[in-house]
């Protein structure tokens, strides 16, 4: 079980380290191109949720995050420990949620910095951070878990 919580701690640590590096070494709005124009770092702050939604509603984010963290921990202890994929997914979710929560508590905003342009569809993806990436990966893995679990249940039902 400690290994699972280590995943969440690793996400939180990496998230906070990268955000600290951005805040200390980049001016707000400064851009560093890595693979122009498709990938780079852009020092940005977000006072809302994904894509800046609900900007300035910090009290709502505090309440929602606390409820979500408690629910993730509860679900991990009741279901996640039984399945490795689900357990890892929940810990990525936990780490991402706590990583952005720390920013909201300490700064009143979330530090974002990863800037990606998807060339095939010419879409400038919203700027994000390590916590956001962990949250996205967690959701994809949870969906994969649900699909695999449904297939497993159908297979048992047929046999």
Protein backbone atom coordinates (compact mmCIF):
# COMPACT_ATOMS: atom_id res chain seq x y z
CA UNK A 1 0.00 0.00 0.00
CA UNK A 2 2.89 2.37 0.68
CA UNK A 3 4.00 1.95 -2.94
CA UNK A 4 0.67 3.35 -4.08
CA UNK A 5 0.92 6.40 -1.85
CA UNK A 6 4.51 6.85 -3.07
CA UNK A 7 3.07 7.37 -6.57
CA UNK A 8 0.89 10.20 -5.28
CA UNK A 9 3.85 11.67 -3.37
CA UNK A 10 6.04 11.49 -6.49
CA UNK A 11 3.42 13.34 -8.55
CA UNK A 12 3.07 16.01 -5.85
CA UNK A 13 6.85 16.39 -5.50
CA UNK A 14 7.49 16.59 -9.24
CA UNK A 15 4.57 18.98 -9.69
CA UNK A 16 5.70 21.32 -6.95
CA UNK A 17 9.35 21.20 -8.03
CA UNK A 18 8.55 22.08 -11.64
CA UNK A 19 6.20 24.88 -10.59
CA UNK A 20 8.83 26.27 -8.22
CA UNK A 21 11.40 26.22 -11.02
CA UNK A 22 9.01 28.10 -13.32
CA UNK A 23 8.16 30.74 -10.69
CA UNK A 24 11.82 31.25 -9.72
CA UNK A 25 13.32 31.24 -13.23
CA UNK A 26 10.69 32.65 -15.58
CA UNK A 27 8.82 35.93 -15.70
CA UNK A 28 5.05 35.69 -15.96
CA UNK A 29 4.27 35.38 -19.68
CA UNK A 30 7.84 34.39 -20.59
CA UNK A 31 8.10 31.64 -23.18
CA UNK A 32 10.86 29.11 -23.78
CA UNK A 33 10.55 27.25 -27.06
CA UNK A 34 11.67 23.61 -27.00
CA UNK A 35 10.30 22.44 -30.36
CA UNK A 36 9.02 25.53 -32.10
CA UNK A 37 6.08 25.98 -32.50
CA UNK A 38 4.77 22.66 -31.16
CA UNK A 39 6.14 22.42 -27.64
CA UNK A 40 7.55 24.78 -25.07
CA UNK A 41 7.18 26.35 -21.67
CA UNK A 42 5.07 29.43 -21.02
CA UNK A 43 4.86 30.86 -17.51
CA UNK A 44 1.14 31.24 -16.90
CA UNK A 45 -1.19 31.47 -13.89
CA UNK A 46 -4.71 30.11 -13.69
CA UNK A 47 -7.17 31.35 -11.08
CA UNK A 48 -9.85 28.92 -12.24
CA UNK A 49 -10.26 25.29 -13.19
CA UNK A 50 -9.47 23.67 -16.54
CA UNK A 51 -9.38 26.24 -19.35
CA UNK A 52 -9.86 29.01 -16.77
CA UNK A 53 -13.45 28.04 -15.96
CA UNK A 54 -14.92 29.38 -12.70
CA UNK A 55 -12.11 31.91 -12.33
CA UNK A 56 -11.89 33.44 -8.87
CA UNK A 57 -14.09 30.82 -7.16
CA UNK A 58 -11.32 29.57 -4.84
CA UNK A 59 -13.72 28.68 -2.02
CA UNK A 60 -15.46 26.27 -4.40
CA UNK A 61 -12.15 24.65 -5.39
CA UNK A 62 -11.17 24.21 -1.73
CA UNK A 63 -14.43 22.43 -0.89
CA UNK A 64 -14.51 20.30 -4.05
CA UNK A 65 -10.85 19.28 -3.69
CA UNK A 66 -11.26 18.24 -0.05
CA UNK A 67 -14.33 16.16 -0.92
CA UNK A 68 -12.56 14.62 -3.93
CA UNK A 69 -9.40 13.78 -1.93
CA UNK A 70 -11.46 12.09 0.80
CA UNK A 71 -13.45 10.17 -1.84
CA UNK A 72 -10.29 9.04 -3.66
CA UNK A 73 -8.71 7.78 -0.44
CA UNK A 74 -11.92 6.00 0.58
CA UNK A 75 -12.35 4.44 -2.87
CA UNK A 76 -8.70 3.39 -2.92
CA UNK A 77 -9.07 1.58 0.41
CA UNK A 78 -12.35 -0.08 -0.54
CA UNK A 79 -11.70 -0.93 -4.22
CA UNK A 80 -8.34 0.32 -5.46
CA UNK A 81 -6.16 -1.99 -3.39
CA UNK A 82 -7.79 -4.97 -5.11
CA UNK A 83 -6.74 -3.94 -8.62
CA UNK A 84 -3.29 -2.60 -9.55
CA UNK A 85 -4.47 -0.48 -12.50
CA UNK A 86 -7.23 1.13 -10.46
CA UNK A 87 -4.90 1.67 -7.51
CA UNK A 88 -2.27 3.42 -9.64
CA UNK A 89 -4.97 5.48 -11.36
CA UNK A 90 -6.40 6.66 -8.07
CA UNK A 91 -2.98 7.63 -6.75
CA UNK A 92 -2.24 9.65 -9.90
CA UNK A 93 -5.60 11.33 -9.39
CA UNK A 94 -4.79 11.99 -5.74
CA UNK A 95 -1.35 13.42 -6.53
CA UNK A 96 -2.72 15.68 -9.24
CA UNK A 97 -5.57 16.95 -7.08
CA UNK A 98 -3.27 17.70 -4.15
CA UNK A 99 -0.61 19.29 -6.39
CA UNK A 100 -3.03 21.91 -7.71
CA UNK A 101 -4.66 22.28 -4.27
CA UNK A 102 -1.28 23.28 -2.79
CA UNK A 103 -0.98 26.03 -5.41
CA UNK A 104 -4.46 27.33 -4.70
CA UNK A 105 -3.75 27.42 -0.96
CA UNK A 106 -0.26 28.96 -1.23
CA UNK A 107 -0.65 31.27 -4.21
CA UNK A 108 -4.37 31.72 -4.80
CA UNK A 109 -3.75 30.47 -8.33
CA UNK A 110 -2.29 27.48 -10.17
CA UNK A 111 1.06 27.69 -11.95
CA UNK A 112 0.81 26.31 -15.49
CA UNK A 113 3.70 26.12 -17.93
CA UNK A 114 3.50 23.31 -20.51
CA UNK A 115 2.44 24.76 -23.87
CA UNK A 116 1.54 22.36 -26.69
CA UNK A 117 0.32 23.00 -30.23
CA UNK A 118 -1.27 20.01 -31.96
CA UNK A 119 -0.28 20.56 -35.60
CA UNK A 120 -2.63 18.10 -37.31
CA UNK A 121 -5.69 20.03 -36.19
CA UNK A 122 -3.89 23.34 -35.49
CA UNK A 123 -5.11 23.33 -31.90
CA UNK A 124 -3.25 25.29 -29.24
CA UNK A 125 -3.90 23.06 -26.24
CA UNK A 126 -4.55 24.90 -22.93
CA UNK A 127 -1.38 25.44 -20.91
CA UNK A 128 -1.03 22.81 -18.16
CA UNK A 129 1.30 21.42 -15.49
CA UNK A 130 2.45 18.08 -14.04
CA UNK A 131 -0.61 17.80 -11.76
CA UNK A 132 -2.93 18.36 -14.72
CA UNK A 133 -1.07 15.73 -16.74
CA UNK A 134 -1.38 13.24 -13.85
CA UNK A 135 -5.11 13.96 -13.59
CA UNK A 136 -5.60 13.39 -17.32
CA UNK A 137 -3.58 10.18 -17.35
CA UNK A 138 -5.53 8.97 -14.29
CA UNK A 139 -8.88 9.54 -15.99
CA UNK A 140 -7.73 7.66 -19.10
CA UNK A 141 -6.47 4.77 -16.95
CA UNK A 142 -9.72 4.67 -14.96
CA UNK A 143 -11.69 4.49 -18.21
CA UNK A 144 -9.39 1.68 -19.36
CA UNK A 145 -9.98 -0.10 -16.03
CA UNK A 146 -13.76 0.20 -16.45
CA UNK A 147 -13.61 -1.18 -20.01
CA UNK A 148 -11.37 -4.09 -19.00
CA UNK A 149 -13.49 -4.80 -15.93
CA UNK A 150 -16.67 -4.89 -18.05
CA UNK A 151 -15.03 -7.29 -20.50
CA UNK A 152 -13.92 -9.49 -17.61
CA UNK A 153 -17.46 -9.51 -16.15
CA UNK A 154 -19.00 -10.37 -19.54
CA UNK A 155 -16.49 -13.17 -20.07
CA UNK A 156 -17.29 -14.67 -16.65
CA UNK A 157 -21.00 -14.37 -17.37
CA UNK A 158 -20.67 -16.22 -20.69
CA UNK A 159 -18.55 -19.10 -19.35
